[in-house]
Amino acid sequence: MHIDVSERGARSRIALAIAALALGACGTSDHSPDAVTSPWQPGPALPGPRLEPGVAALGDRLALVGGFDAGLSIVTRADVLDVNSGTWSSLPDAPVAWTHVDLLGVAGGLYLLGGLETTTFTPSGRAFVLDANLTSWRELTAMPAGLERGAAGVTAIPPHLIVAGGATATASVATVLVYDLSTDSWSQLPDLPAARSHPALGHLADGTLVLTGGLATLDATQPASDTWLLLPNATAWQVAAPMPTPRGGCAYGMIGDRLLCVGGEAGAAALHTAEAYTTATDTWETLDPMPTPRAGTQGAVIGTRMFVPGGARKLAYEPDGTMDVYTVR
């Protein structure tokens, strides 16, 4: 979702850009989840609306970094939610103002591994960590030159952090990068079979990577349903069962051995569809839909709950300040 923002005519250009990138129109459904029986419930409201932020689990807390705020500014703001008390607090501001942030929480630290700068969506490969004491950010080794990106799929298999696919200012990418916590260095895994921005990425206990969906281009005109697996030490990705609903930009996370993909964008719509992939059986299941469509955000799993904050609900530049939470029963 690349958005052109300027002082003059901002609103009209924003509407056109969002339309082109299919943030999605708010739709209705004949299958609205029942308020009593649905596994979806509203979570605590965000400190302020946010679109295209980084979202990550930080222990039993939910971190939210960067993105667009309600006033169309790209913020450095970092917030954290204690999911047990429902209370938000502030973290030190990020050292950069990015959207489409690649964010991971690992061993109490928060890793910021690339993103897109300004409203020209210039890719940055700079990397930072907010150490476990959560008092200050420090810079790490940047991504290799020419491989900078935002809007990637990310997952952590310590000491390795994986950044798969993503977007530059002009195209989706197929490269897969690995950051090594122990050596502060980058390497590469086999490329994806095709370029994808905004894919969903998870991993199994044995280190197998699972990637699904994404966008073949920078907008939502070519949403993908491909699912690919990369086994440990494999030299190429394997093809698995495709996701039933092609899309990019879904909020995603692993709950047990299932990769959940919720919401996202396809064509001219923001989605509330929720689906889960089980590697052991190579099958997909349809879950209760999210109460509201959301695109332009990420998700994070904490325990048996998946948190989906902010994003946008319809075909207008209206960053959202609410949250939906899915609980596995």
C-alpha atoms as a PDB file:
ATOM      1  CA  MET A   1       0.000   0.000   0.000  1.00  0.00           C
ATOM      2  CA  HIS A   2       2.108   2.865  -1.269  1.00  0.00           C
ATOM      3  CA  ILE A   3       0.586   6.252  -0.547  1.00  0.00           C
ATOM      4  CA  ASP A   4       1.536   9.657  -2.031  1.00  0.00           C
ATOM      5  CA  VAL A   5       1.235  12.383   0.619  1.00  0.00           C
ATOM      6  CA  SER A   6       1.975  16.103   0.080  1.00  0.00           C
ATOM      7  CA  GLU A   7       0.845  19.405   1.526  1.00  0.00           C
ATOM      8  CA  ARG A   8      -1.385  20.347  -1.414  1.00  0.00           C
ATOM      9  CA  GLY A   9      -4.031  18.013  -2.693  1.00  0.00           C
ATOM     10  CA  ALA A  10      -3.075  15.354  -0.158  1.00  0.00           C
ATOM     11  CA  ARG A  11      -6.537  13.984   0.361  1.00  0.00           C
ATOM     12  CA  SER A  12      -7.302  13.463  -3.326  1.00  0.00           C
ATOM     13  CA  ARG A  13      -3.965  11.793  -4.040  1.00  0.00           C
ATOM     14  CA  ILE A  14      -4.321   9.622  -0.988  1.00  0.00           C
ATOM     15  CA  ALA A  15      -7.724   8.427  -2.152  1.00  0.00           C
ATOM     16  CA  LEU A  16      -6.340   7.607  -5.600  1.00  0.00           C
ATOM     17  CA  ALA A  17      -3.306   5.808  -4.213  1.00  0.00           C
ATOM     18  CA  ILE A  18      -5.318   3.800  -1.777  1.00  0.00           C
ATOM     19  CA  ALA A  19      -7.732   2.858  -4.523  1.00  0.00           C
ATOM     20  CA  ALA A  20      -4.873   1.779  -6.762  1.00  0.00           C
ATOM     21  CA  LEU A  21      -3.399  -0.367  -4.053  1.00  0.00           C
ATOM     22  CA  ALA A  22      -6.723  -1.748  -2.939  1.00  0.00           C
ATOM     23  CA  LEU A  23      -6.731  -0.968   0.705  1.00  0.00           C
ATOM     24  CA  GLY A  24     -10.223  -2.250   0.179  1.00  0.00           C
ATOM     25  CA  ALA A  25     -13.787  -1.293   0.516  1.00  0.00           C
ATOM     26  CA  CYS A  26     -15.674  -2.053   3.650  1.00  0.00           C
ATOM     27  CA  GLY A  27     -18.080  -4.824   2.831  1.00  0.00           C
ATOM     28  CA  THR A  28     -20.806  -6.673   4.537  1.00  0.00           C
ATOM     29  CA  SER A  29     -21.107 -10.386   5.074  1.00  0.00           C
ATOM     30  CA  ASP A  30     -23.903 -12.854   5.373  1.00  0.00           C
ATOM     31  CA  HIS A  31     -21.731 -14.728   7.841  1.00  0.00           C
ATOM     32  CA  SER A  32     -21.112 -12.165  10.579  1.00  0.00           C
ATOM     33  CA  PRO A  33     -19.705 -13.885  13.665  1.00  0.00           C
ATOM     34  CA  ASP A  34     -22.058 -14.245  16.574  1.00  0.00           C
ATOM     35  CA  ALA A  35     -21.109 -11.954  19.459  1.00  0.00           C
ATOM     36  CA  VAL A  36     -21.463 -14.751  21.995  1.00  0.00           C
ATOM     37  CA  THR A  37     -19.928 -17.721  20.211  1.00  0.00           C
ATOM     38  CA  SER A  38     -17.325 -16.062  18.023  1.00  0.00           C
ATOM     39  CA  PRO A  39     -13.650 -16.610  18.840  1.00  0.00           C
ATOM     40  CA  TRP A  40     -13.185 -12.958  17.849  1.00  0.00           C
ATOM     41  CA  GLN A  41     -13.502 -10.220  20.439  1.00  0.00           C
ATOM     42  CA  PRO A  42     -12.539  -6.541  20.453  1.00  0.00           C
ATOM     43  CA  GLY A  43      -9.194  -5.749  22.014  1.00  0.00           C
ATOM     44  CA  PRO A  44      -8.095  -2.549  23.749  1.00  0.00           C
ATOM     45  CA  ALA A  45      -8.234   0.536  21.549  1.00  0.00           C
ATOM     46  CA  LEU A  46      -4.889   1.727  20.224  1.00  0.00           C
ATOM     47  CA  PRO A  47      -3.300   4.924  21.626  1.00  0.00           C
ATOM     48  CA  GLY A  48      -4.086   6.366  18.203  1.00  0.00           C
ATOM     49  CA  PRO A  49      -5.026   5.131  14.732  1.00  0.00           C
ATOM     50  CA  ARG A  50      -2.181   3.465  12.833  1.00  0.00           C
ATOM     51  CA  LEU A  51      -1.756   2.212   9.271  1.00  0.00           C
ATOM     52  CA  GLU A  52       1.130   0.049   7.981  1.00  0.00           C
ATOM     53  CA  PRO A  53       2.977  -0.168  11.313  1.00  0.00           C
ATOM     54  CA  GLY A  54       5.274  -2.915  12.491  1.00  0.00           C
ATOM     55  CA  VAL A  55       3.511  -5.313  14.866  1.00  0.00           C
ATOM     56  CA  ALA A  56       5.263  -7.936  17.011  1.00  0.00           C
ATOM     57  CA  ALA A  57       4.884 -10.027  20.132  1.00  0.00           C
ATOM     58  CA  LEU A  58       7.303  -9.023  22.876  1.00  0.00           C
ATOM     59  CA  GLY A  59       6.826 -11.719  25.488  1.00  0.00           C
ATOM     60  CA  ASP A  60       3.325 -11.171  26.845  1.00  0.00           C
ATOM     61  CA  ARG A  61       3.203  -7.706  25.306  1.00  0.00           C
ATOM     62  CA  LEU A  62       2.184  -6.431  21.897  1.00  0.00           C
ATOM     63  CA  ALA A  63       4.523  -3.904  20.254  1.00  0.00           C
ATOM     64  CA  LEU A  64       3.411  -1.373  17.638  1.00  0.00           C
ATOM     65  CA  VAL A  65       6.070   0.694  15.842  1.00  0.00           C
ATOM     66  CA  GLY A  66       5.922   3.344  13.119  1.00  0.00           C
ATOM     67  CA  GLY A  67       3.403   3.610  10.295  1.00  0.00           C
ATOM     68  CA  PHE A  68       0.966   6.382   9.383  1.00  0.00           C
ATOM     69  CA  ASP A  69      -1.051   8.114  12.084  1.00  0.00           C
ATOM     70  CA  ALA A  70      -4.461   9.749  11.755  1.00  0.00           C
ATOM     71  CA  GLY A  71      -2.874  12.982  10.534  1.00  0.00           C
ATOM     72  CA  LEU A  72      -1.062  11.208   7.672  1.00  0.00           C
ATOM     73  CA  SER A  73       2.334  11.631   9.297  1.00  0.00           C
ATOM     74  CA  ILE A  74       4.828   8.760   9.294  1.00  0.00           C
ATOM     75  CA  VAL A  75       5.653   8.367  12.961  1.00  0.00           C
ATOM     76  CA  THR A  76       8.575   7.085  15.000  1.00  0.00           C
ATOM     77  CA  ARG A  77       6.209   6.328  17.844  1.00  0.00           C
ATOM     78  CA  ALA A  78       6.522   2.946  19.551  1.00  0.00           C
ATOM     79  CA  ASP A  79       3.857   1.629  21.902  1.00  0.00           C
ATOM     80  CA  VAL A  80       3.457  -1.590  23.839  1.00  0.00           C
ATOM     81  CA  LEU A  81       0.318  -3.268  25.183  1.00  0.00           C
ATOM     82  CA  ASP A  82       0.324  -5.483  28.265  1.00  0.00           C
ATOM     83  CA  VAL A  83      -2.213  -8.000  26.972  1.00  0.00           C
ATOM     84  CA  ASN A  84      -3.028  -9.221  30.475  1.00  0.00           C
ATOM     85  CA  SER A  85      -3.918  -5.825  31.943  1.00  0.00           C
ATOM     86  CA  GLY A  86      -5.052  -4.233  28.668  1.00  0.00           C
ATOM     87  CA  THR A  87      -2.823  -1.229  29.373  1.00  0.00           C
ATOM     88  CA  TRP A  88      -0.752   0.635  26.769  1.00  0.00           C
ATOM     89  CA  SER A  89       2.547   2.340  27.541  1.00  0.00           C
ATOM     90  CA  SER A  90       5.238   4.055  25.484  1.00  0.00           C
ATOM     91  CA  LEU A  91       8.562   2.652  24.335  1.00  0.00           C
ATOM     92  CA  PRO A  92      11.481   4.828  23.195  1.00  0.00           C
ATOM     93  CA  ASP A  93      10.731   6.278  19.773  1.00  0.00           C
ATOM     94  CA  ALA A  94      12.172   4.318  16.864  1.00  0.00           C
ATOM     95  CA  PRO A  95      15.321   5.885  15.359  1.00  0.00           C
ATOM     96  CA  VAL A  96      13.648   6.044  11.922  1.00  0.00           C
ATOM     97  CA  ALA A  97      10.211   6.947  10.578  1.00  0.00           C
ATOM     98  CA  TRP A  98       9.069   4.052   8.390  1.00  0.00           C
ATOM     99  CA  THR A  99       5.943   2.381   7.101  1.00  0.00           C
ATOM    100  CA  HIS A 100       5.679  -1.295   6.094  1.00  0.00           C
ATOM    101  CA  VAL A 101       7.981  -2.053   9.005  1.00  0.00           C
ATOM    102  CA  ASP A 102       9.636  -5.482   9.374  1.00  0.00           C
ATOM    103  CA  LEU A 103       9.459  -6.017  13.143  1.00  0.00           C
ATOM    104  CA  LEU A 104      10.251  -9.006  15.380  1.00  0.00           C
ATOM    105  CA  GLY A 105      10.343  -9.550  19.139  1.00  0.00           C
ATOM    106  CA  VAL A 106      13.078 -11.975  20.232  1.00  0.00           C
ATOM    107  CA  ALA A 107      14.318 -12.812  23.750  1.00  0.00           C
ATOM    108  CA  GLY A 108      12.868  -9.616  25.180  1.00  0.00           C
ATOM    109  CA  GLY A 109      14.388  -7.417  22.470  1.00  0.00           C
ATOM    110  CA  LEU A 110      12.615  -5.708  19.588  1.00  0.00           C
ATOM    111  CA  TYR A 111      14.266  -5.947  16.165  1.00  0.00           C
ATOM    112  CA  LEU A 112      13.501  -3.486  13.382  1.00  0.00           C
ATOM    113  CA  LEU A 113      14.800  -4.973  10.117  1.00  0.00           C
ATOM    114  CA  GLY A 114      14.046  -2.694   7.196  1.00  0.00           C
ATOM    115  CA  GLY A 115      11.051  -0.715   6.052  1.00  0.00           C
ATOM    116  CA  LEU A 116       9.945   1.947   3.593  1.00  0.00           C
ATOM    117  CA  GLU A 117      10.916   5.608   3.990  1.00  0.00           C
ATOM    118  CA  THR A 118       8.810   8.712   3.244  1.00  0.00           C
ATOM    119  CA  THR A 119       5.838   8.805   0.907  1.00  0.00           C
ATOM    120  CA  THR A 120       8.057   7.759  -2.007  1.00  0.00           C
ATOM    121  CA  PHE A 121       8.382   4.396  -0.229  1.00  0.00           C
ATOM    122  CA  THR A 122      12.140   4.198  -0.624  1.00  0.00           C
ATOM    123  CA  PRO A 123      13.357   0.877   0.802  1.00  0.00           C
ATOM    124  CA  SER A 124      15.759   1.021   3.715  1.00  0.00           C
ATOM    125  CA  GLY A 125      17.924  -1.863   4.847  1.00  0.00           C
ATOM    126  CA  ARG A 126      18.996  -0.304   8.124  1.00  0.00           C
ATOM    127  CA  ALA A 127      18.496  -2.507  11.171  1.00  0.00           C
ATOM    128  CA  PHE A 128      18.077  -1.686  14.850  1.00  0.00           C
ATOM    129  CA  VAL A 129      17.367  -3.413  18.145  1.00  0.00           C
ATOM    130  CA  LEU A 130      15.653  -2.151  21.261  1.00  0.00           C
ATOM    131  CA  ASP A 131      17.455  -4.313  23.803  1.00  0.00           C
ATOM    132  CA  ALA A 132      15.640  -6.255  26.482  1.00  0.00           C
ATOM    133  CA  ASN A 133      15.912  -3.404  28.999  1.00  0.00           C
ATOM    134  CA  LEU A 134      13.795  -1.377  26.515  1.00  0.00           C
ATOM    135  CA  THR A 135      15.659   1.862  27.223  1.00  0.00           C
ATOM    136  CA  SER A 136      17.365   2.697  23.912  1.00  0.00           C
ATOM    137  CA  TRP A 137      17.742   1.549  20.326  1.00  0.00           C
ATOM    138  CA  ARG A 138      21.116   0.641  18.816  1.00  0.00           C
ATOM    139  CA  GLU A 139      21.994   0.169  15.188  1.00  0.00           C
ATOM    140  CA  LEU A 140      22.934  -3.218  13.753  1.00  0.00           C
ATOM    141  CA  THR A 141      24.587  -4.228  10.501  1.00  0.00           C
ATOM    142  CA  ALA A 142      22.386  -3.165   7.596  1.00  0.00           C
ATOM    143  CA  MET A 143      20.985  -5.499   4.951  1.00  0.00           C
ATOM    144  CA  PRO A 144      23.336  -6.115   2.011  1.00  0.00           C
ATOM    145  CA  ALA A 145      23.332  -3.248  -0.478  1.00  0.00           C
ATOM    146  CA  GLY A 146      20.711  -3.715  -3.162  1.00  0.00           C
ATOM    147  CA  LEU A 147      18.570  -6.021  -1.013  1.00  0.00           C
ATOM    148  CA  GLU A 148      16.797  -3.402   1.069  1.00  0.00           C
ATOM    149  CA  ARG A 149      13.047  -3.841   1.487  1.00  0.00           C
ATOM    150  CA  GLY A 150       9.935  -3.351   3.588  1.00  0.00           C
ATOM    151  CA  ALA A 151       6.608  -5.213   3.594  1.00  0.00           C
ATOM    152  CA  ALA A 152       8.356  -8.566   4.020  1.00  0.00           C
ATOM    153  CA  GLY A 153       7.257 -11.728   5.755  1.00  0.00           C
ATOM    154  CA  VAL A 154       9.233 -12.154   8.986  1.00  0.00           C
ATOM    155  CA  THR A 155       9.768 -14.892  11.534  1.00  0.00           C
ATOM    156  CA  ALA A 156      12.371 -15.769  14.167  1.00  0.00           C
ATOM    157  CA  ILE A 157      14.228 -19.047  14.648  1.00  0.00           C
ATOM    158  CA  PRO A 158      16.907 -17.814  17.082  1.00  0.00           C
ATOM    159  CA  PRO A 159      19.652 -17.013  16.510  1.00  0.00           C
ATOM    160  CA  HIS A 160      18.270 -16.427  13.008  1.00  0.00           C
ATOM    161  CA  LEU A 161      15.697 -13.830  11.948  1.00  0.00           C
ATOM    162  CA  ILE A 162      14.199 -14.427   8.508  1.00  0.00           C
ATOM    163  CA  VAL A 163      13.028 -11.640   6.189  1.00  0.00           C
ATOM    164  CA  ALA A 164      11.306 -13.128   3.126  1.00  0.00           C
ATOM    165  CA  GLY A 165      10.125 -11.297   0.045  1.00  0.00           C
ATOM    166  CA  GLY A 166       8.891  -7.741   0.448  1.00  0.00           C
ATOM    167  CA  ALA A 167       8.750  -4.562  -1.568  1.00  0.00           C
ATOM    168  CA  THR A 168      10.961  -1.802  -2.894  1.00  0.00           C
ATOM    169  CA  ALA A 169       9.600   1.450  -4.279  1.00  0.00           C
ATOM    170  CA  THR A 170       9.110  -0.176  -7.687  1.00  0.00           C
ATOM    171  CA  ALA A 171       8.621  -3.932  -7.338  1.00  0.00           C
ATOM    172  CA  SER A 172       8.028  -6.973  -5.188  1.00  0.00           C
ATOM    173  CA  VAL A 173      11.114  -9.068  -4.450  1.00  0.00           C
ATOM    174  CA  ALA A 174      11.856 -12.790  -4.212  1.00  0.00           C
ATOM    175  CA  THR A 175      15.030 -12.773  -2.134  1.00  0.00           C
ATOM    176  CA  VAL A 176      15.102 -14.211   1.400  1.00  0.00           C
ATOM    177  CA  LEU A 177      17.501 -12.743   3.957  1.00  0.00           C
ATOM    178  CA  VAL A 178      18.679 -14.139   7.299  1.00  0.00           C
ATOM    179  CA  TYR A 179      20.030 -11.993  10.112  1.00  0.00           C
ATOM    180  CA  ASP A 180      22.250 -13.865  12.613  1.00  0.00           C
ATOM    181  CA  LEU A 181      21.893 -12.491  16.135  1.00  0.00           C
ATOM    182  CA  SER A 182      25.123 -14.133  17.261  1.00  0.00           C
ATOM    183  CA  THR A 183      27.334 -12.582  14.583  1.00  0.00           C
ATOM    184  CA  ASP A 184      25.443  -9.405  13.604  1.00  0.00           C
ATOM    185  CA  SER A 185      25.634 -10.493   9.974  1.00  0.00           C
ATOM    186  CA  TRP A 186      23.351 -11.228   7.017  1.00  0.00           C
ATOM    187  CA  SER A 187      23.153 -14.187   4.642  1.00  0.00           C
ATOM    188  CA  GLN A 188      20.659 -15.504   2.102  1.00  0.00           C
ATOM    189  CA  LEU A 189      18.372 -18.511   1.780  1.00  0.00           C
ATOM    190  CA  PRO A 190      17.027 -19.787  -1.550  1.00  0.00           C
ATOM    191  CA  ASP A 191      14.884 -17.247  -3.380  1.00  0.00           C
ATOM    192  CA  LEU A 192      11.125 -17.624  -3.368  1.00  0.00           C
ATOM    193  CA  PRO A 193       9.742 -19.229  -6.554  1.00  0.00           C
ATOM    194  CA  ALA A 194       8.255 -15.823  -7.422  1.00  0.00           C
ATOM    195  CA  ALA A 195       8.439 -12.282  -6.119  1.00  0.00           C
ATOM    196  CA  ARG A 196       5.995 -11.446  -3.335  1.00  0.00           C
ATOM    197  CA  SER A 197       5.320  -8.340  -1.286  1.00  0.00           C
ATOM    198  CA  HIS A 198       3.227  -8.543   1.908  1.00  0.00           C
ATOM    199  CA  PRO A 199       3.455 -12.363   2.282  1.00  0.00           C
ATOM    200  CA  ALA A 200       2.673 -14.315   5.446  1.00  0.00           C
ATOM    201  CA  LEU A 201       5.563 -16.277   6.969  1.00  0.00           C
ATOM    202  CA  GLY A 202       5.843 -18.744   9.826  1.00  0.00           C
ATOM    203  CA  HIS A 203       7.917 -21.716  10.879  1.00  0.00           C
ATOM    204  CA  LEU A 204       7.596 -25.130  12.480  1.00  0.00           C
ATOM    205  CA  ALA A 205       9.538 -26.541  15.421  1.00  0.00           C
ATOM    206  CA  ASP A 206      11.970 -28.313  13.093  1.00  0.00           C
ATOM    207  CA  GLY A 207      12.837 -25.047  11.346  1.00  0.00           C
ATOM    208  CA  THR A 208      10.695 -25.556   8.255  1.00  0.00           C
ATOM    209  CA  LEU A 209       9.584 -22.198   6.842  1.00  0.00           C
ATOM    210  CA  VAL A 210       5.998 -21.752   5.622  1.00  0.00           C
ATOM    211  CA  LEU A 211       5.146 -18.821   3.341  1.00  0.00           C
ATOM    212  CA  THR A 212       1.772 -18.086   1.792  1.00  0.00           C
ATOM    213  CA  GLY A 213      -0.051 -15.381  -0.112  1.00  0.00           C
ATOM    214  CA  GLY A 214       1.353 -11.973  -0.891  1.00  0.00           C
ATOM    215  CA  LEU A 215       1.110  -9.653  -3.859  1.00  0.00           C
ATOM    216  CA  ALA A 216       2.919 -10.214  -7.146  1.00  0.00           C
ATOM    217  CA  THR A 217       3.089  -6.439  -7.628  1.00  0.00           C
ATOM    218  CA  LEU A 218       2.961  -3.436  -5.325  1.00  0.00           C
ATOM    219  CA  ASP A 219      -0.807  -3.145  -5.530  1.00  0.00           C
ATOM    220  CA  ALA A 220      -3.560  -5.667  -4.916  1.00  0.00           C
ATOM    221  CA  THR A 221      -4.373  -6.376  -8.557  1.00  0.00           C
ATOM    222  CA  GLN A 222      -2.443  -9.653  -8.466  1.00  0.00           C
ATOM    223  CA  PRO A 223      -3.080 -11.287  -5.079  1.00  0.00           C
ATOM    224  CA  ALA A 224      -1.463 -14.692  -4.674  1.00  0.00           C
ATOM    225  CA  SER A 225      -2.622 -17.916  -3.058  1.00  0.00           C
ATOM    226  CA  ASP A 226       0.615 -19.914  -3.406  1.00  0.00           C
ATOM    227  CA  THR A 227       1.942 -21.717  -0.366  1.00  0.00           C
ATOM    228  CA  TRP A 228       5.607 -22.724  -0.257  1.00  0.00           C
ATOM    229  CA  LEU A 229       7.707 -24.670   2.231  1.00  0.00           C
ATOM    230  CA  LEU A 230      11.466 -24.493   2.788  1.00  0.00           C
ATOM    231  CA  LEU A 231      12.730 -27.491   4.725  1.00  0.00           C
ATOM    232  CA  PRO A 232      15.918 -27.183   6.804  1.00  0.00           C
ATOM    233  CA  ASN A 233      19.016 -27.171   4.569  1.00  0.00           C
ATOM    234  CA  ALA A 234      16.882 -27.420   1.417  1.00  0.00           C
ATOM    235  CA  THR A 235      18.091 -25.681  -1.727  1.00  0.00           C
ATOM    236  CA  ALA A 236      14.636 -24.799  -3.063  1.00  0.00           C
ATOM    237  CA  TRP A 237      11.112 -24.098  -1.824  1.00  0.00           C
ATOM    238  CA  GLN A 238       8.473 -26.827  -2.195  1.00  0.00           C
ATOM    239  CA  VAL A 239       4.948 -26.199  -3.448  1.00  0.00           C
ATOM    240  CA  ALA A 240       2.148 -26.893  -0.949  1.00  0.00           C
ATOM    241  CA  ALA A 241      -1.637 -26.538  -0.973  1.00  0.00           C
ATOM    242  CA  PRO A 242      -2.677 -23.013  -2.045  1.00  0.00           C
ATOM    243  CA  MET A 243      -4.565 -20.729   0.297  1.00  0.00           C
ATOM    244  CA  PRO A 244      -8.296 -20.724  -0.550  1.00  0.00           C
ATOM    245  CA  THR A 245      -8.485 -16.909  -0.689  1.00  0.00           C
ATOM    246  CA  PRO A 246      -5.734 -15.204  -2.703  1.00  0.00           C
ATOM    247  CA  ARG A 247      -4.545 -12.101  -0.874  1.00  0.00           C
ATOM    248  CA  GLY A 248      -1.634 -10.076   0.361  1.00  0.00           C
ATOM    249  CA  GLY A 249      -1.061  -8.126   3.508  1.00  0.00           C
ATOM    250  CA  CYS A 250      -2.920 -10.441   5.851  1.00  0.00           C
ATOM    251  CA  ALA A 251      -2.197 -10.310   9.564  1.00  0.00           C
ATOM    252  CA  TYR A 252      -0.469 -13.606  10.278  1.00  0.00           C
ATOM    253  CA  GLY A 253       1.049 -15.758  12.992  1.00  0.00           C
ATOM    254  CA  MET A 254       1.608 -19.334  14.117  1.00  0.00           C
ATOM    255  CA  ILE A 255      -0.667 -20.882  16.732  1.00  0.00           C
ATOM    256  CA  GLY A 256       0.634 -24.368  17.401  1.00  0.00           C
ATOM    257  CA  ASP A 257       1.406 -25.961  14.041  1.00  0.00           C
ATOM    258  CA  ARG A 258      -1.049 -23.749  12.131  1.00  0.00           C
ATOM    259  CA  LEU A 259      -0.236 -20.592  10.183  1.00  0.00           C
ATOM    260  CA  LEU A 260      -3.138 -18.130  10.410  1.00  0.00           C
ATOM    261  CA  CYS A 261      -3.769 -15.545   7.692  1.00  0.00           C
ATOM    262  CA  VAL A 262      -6.437 -12.959   8.581  1.00  0.00           C
ATOM    263  CA  GLY A 263      -7.783 -10.035   6.584  1.00  0.00           C
ATOM    264  CA  GLY A 264      -5.544  -8.391   3.988  1.00  0.00           C
ATOM    265  CA  GLU A 265      -6.340  -7.137   0.515  1.00  0.00           C
ATOM    266  CA  ALA A 266      -7.316  -8.473  -2.892  1.00  0.00           C
ATOM    267  CA  GLY A 267      -8.574  -6.622  -5.935  1.00  0.00           C
ATOM    268  CA  ALA A 268     -10.741  -3.772  -4.693  1.00  0.00           C
ATOM    269  CA  ALA A 269     -11.479  -5.022  -1.206  1.00  0.00           C
ATOM    270  CA  ALA A 270     -10.129  -5.157   2.289  1.00  0.00           C
ATOM    271  CA  LEU A 271     -10.923  -8.610   3.664  1.00  0.00           C
ATOM    272  CA  HIS A 272     -12.130 -10.107   6.911  1.00  0.00           C
ATOM    273  CA  THR A 273     -11.590 -13.689   5.759  1.00  0.00           C
ATOM    274  CA  ALA A 274      -9.598 -15.880   8.169  1.00  0.00           C
ATOM    275  CA  GLU A 275      -7.894 -19.119   7.130  1.00  0.00           C
ATOM    276  CA  ALA A 276      -5.333 -21.463   8.675  1.00  0.00           C
ATOM    277  CA  TYR A 277      -2.820 -23.850   7.125  1.00  0.00           C
ATOM    278  CA  THR A 278      -1.662 -27.081   8.797  1.00  0.00           C
ATOM    279  CA  THR A 279       1.616 -28.366   7.394  1.00  0.00           C
ATOM    280  CA  ALA A 280       1.280 -31.906   8.729  1.00  0.00           C
ATOM    281  CA  THR A 281      -1.810 -32.516   6.611  1.00  0.00           C
ATOM    282  CA  ASP A 282      -1.107 -29.917   3.894  1.00  0.00           C
ATOM    283  CA  THR A 283      -4.632 -28.595   4.345  1.00  0.00           C
ATOM    284  CA  TRP A 284      -6.396 -25.290   4.841  1.00  0.00           C
ATOM    285  CA  GLU A 285      -9.397 -24.589   7.035  1.00  0.00           C
ATOM    286  CA  THR A 286     -11.724 -21.610   7.041  1.00  0.00           C
ATOM    287  CA  LEU A 287     -12.027 -19.877  10.405  1.00  0.00           C
ATOM    288  CA  ASP A 288     -14.679 -17.491  11.679  1.00  0.00           C
ATOM    289  CA  PRO A 289     -14.191 -14.209   9.813  1.00  0.00           C
ATOM    290  CA  MET A 290     -12.795 -11.190  11.569  1.00  0.00           C
ATOM    291  CA  PRO A 291     -15.644  -8.891  12.679  1.00  0.00           C
ATOM    292  CA  THR A 292     -14.398  -6.064  10.459  1.00  0.00           C
ATOM    293  CA  PRO A 293     -12.303  -6.075   7.288  1.00  0.00           C
ATOM    294  CA  ARG A 294      -8.724  -4.900   7.804  1.00  0.00           C
ATOM    295  CA  ALA A 295      -5.831  -4.253   5.461  1.00  0.00           C
ATOM    296  CA  GLY A 296      -2.603  -2.364   6.003  1.00  0.00           C
ATOM    297  CA  THR A 297      -1.640  -3.941   9.294  1.00  0.00           C
ATOM    298  CA  GLN A 298       0.118  -6.975  10.695  1.00  0.00           C
ATOM    299  CA  GLY A 299      -0.685  -9.369  13.512  1.00  0.00           C
ATOM    300  CA  ALA A 300       1.036 -11.068  16.413  1.00  0.00           C
ATOM    301  CA  VAL A 301       0.368 -14.250  18.368  1.00  0.00           C
ATOM    302  CA  ILE A 302       0.704 -14.259  22.140  1.00  0.00           C
ATOM    303  CA  GLY A 303      -0.190 -17.567  23.763  1.00  0.00           C
ATOM    304  CA  THR A 304      -3.393 -18.790  22.158  1.00  0.00           C
ATOM    305  CA  ARG A 305      -4.486 -15.349  20.994  1.00  0.00           C
ATOM    306  CA  MET A 306      -3.818 -13.467  17.782  1.00  0.00           C
ATOM    307  CA  PHE A 307      -3.923  -9.671  17.939  1.00  0.00           C
ATOM    308  CA  VAL A 308      -4.787  -7.606  14.836  1.00  0.00           C
ATOM    309  CA  PRO A 309      -4.447  -3.864  15.527  1.00  0.00           C
ATOM    310  CA  GLY A 310      -5.252  -0.867  13.375  1.00  0.00           C
ATOM    311  CA  GLY A 311      -4.949  -0.882   9.588  1.00  0.00           C
ATOM    312  CA  ALA A 312      -7.782   0.421   7.421  1.00  0.00           C
ATOM    313  CA  ARG A 313     -11.298  -0.879   6.855  1.00  0.00           C
ATOM    314  CA  LYS A 314     -12.454   0.703   3.629  1.00  0.00           C
ATOM    315  CA  LEU A 315     -11.538   2.522   0.431  1.00  0.00           C
ATOM    316  CA  ALA A 316     -10.533   5.771   2.087  1.00  0.00           C
ATOM    317  CA  TYR A 317      -7.422   6.917   3.889  1.00  0.00           C
ATOM    318  CA  GLU A 318      -8.734   6.312   7.385  1.00  0.00           C
ATOM    319  CA  PRO A 319      -6.206   4.641   9.689  1.00  0.00           C
ATOM    320  CA  ASP A 320      -8.085   2.628  12.282  1.00  0.00           C
ATOM    321  CA  GLY A 321      -7.598   2.725  16.041  1.00  0.00           C
ATOM    322  CA  THR A 322      -9.391  -0.473  17.032  1.00  0.00           C
ATOM    323  CA  MET A 323      -8.211  -4.043  17.450  1.00  0.00           C
ATOM    324  CA  ASP A 324      -9.649  -7.524  16.921  1.00  0.00           C
ATOM    325  CA  VAL A 325      -8.417 -10.521  18.907  1.00  0.00           C
ATOM    326  CA  TYR A 326      -8.811 -14.172  17.910  1.00  0.00           C
ATOM    327  CA  THR A 327      -8.698 -16.831  20.633  1.00  0.00           C
ATOM    328  CA  VAL A 328      -8.121 -20.510  19.866  1.00  0.00           C
ATOM    329  CA  ARG A 329     -10.572 -22.727  21.726  1.00  0.00           C
END
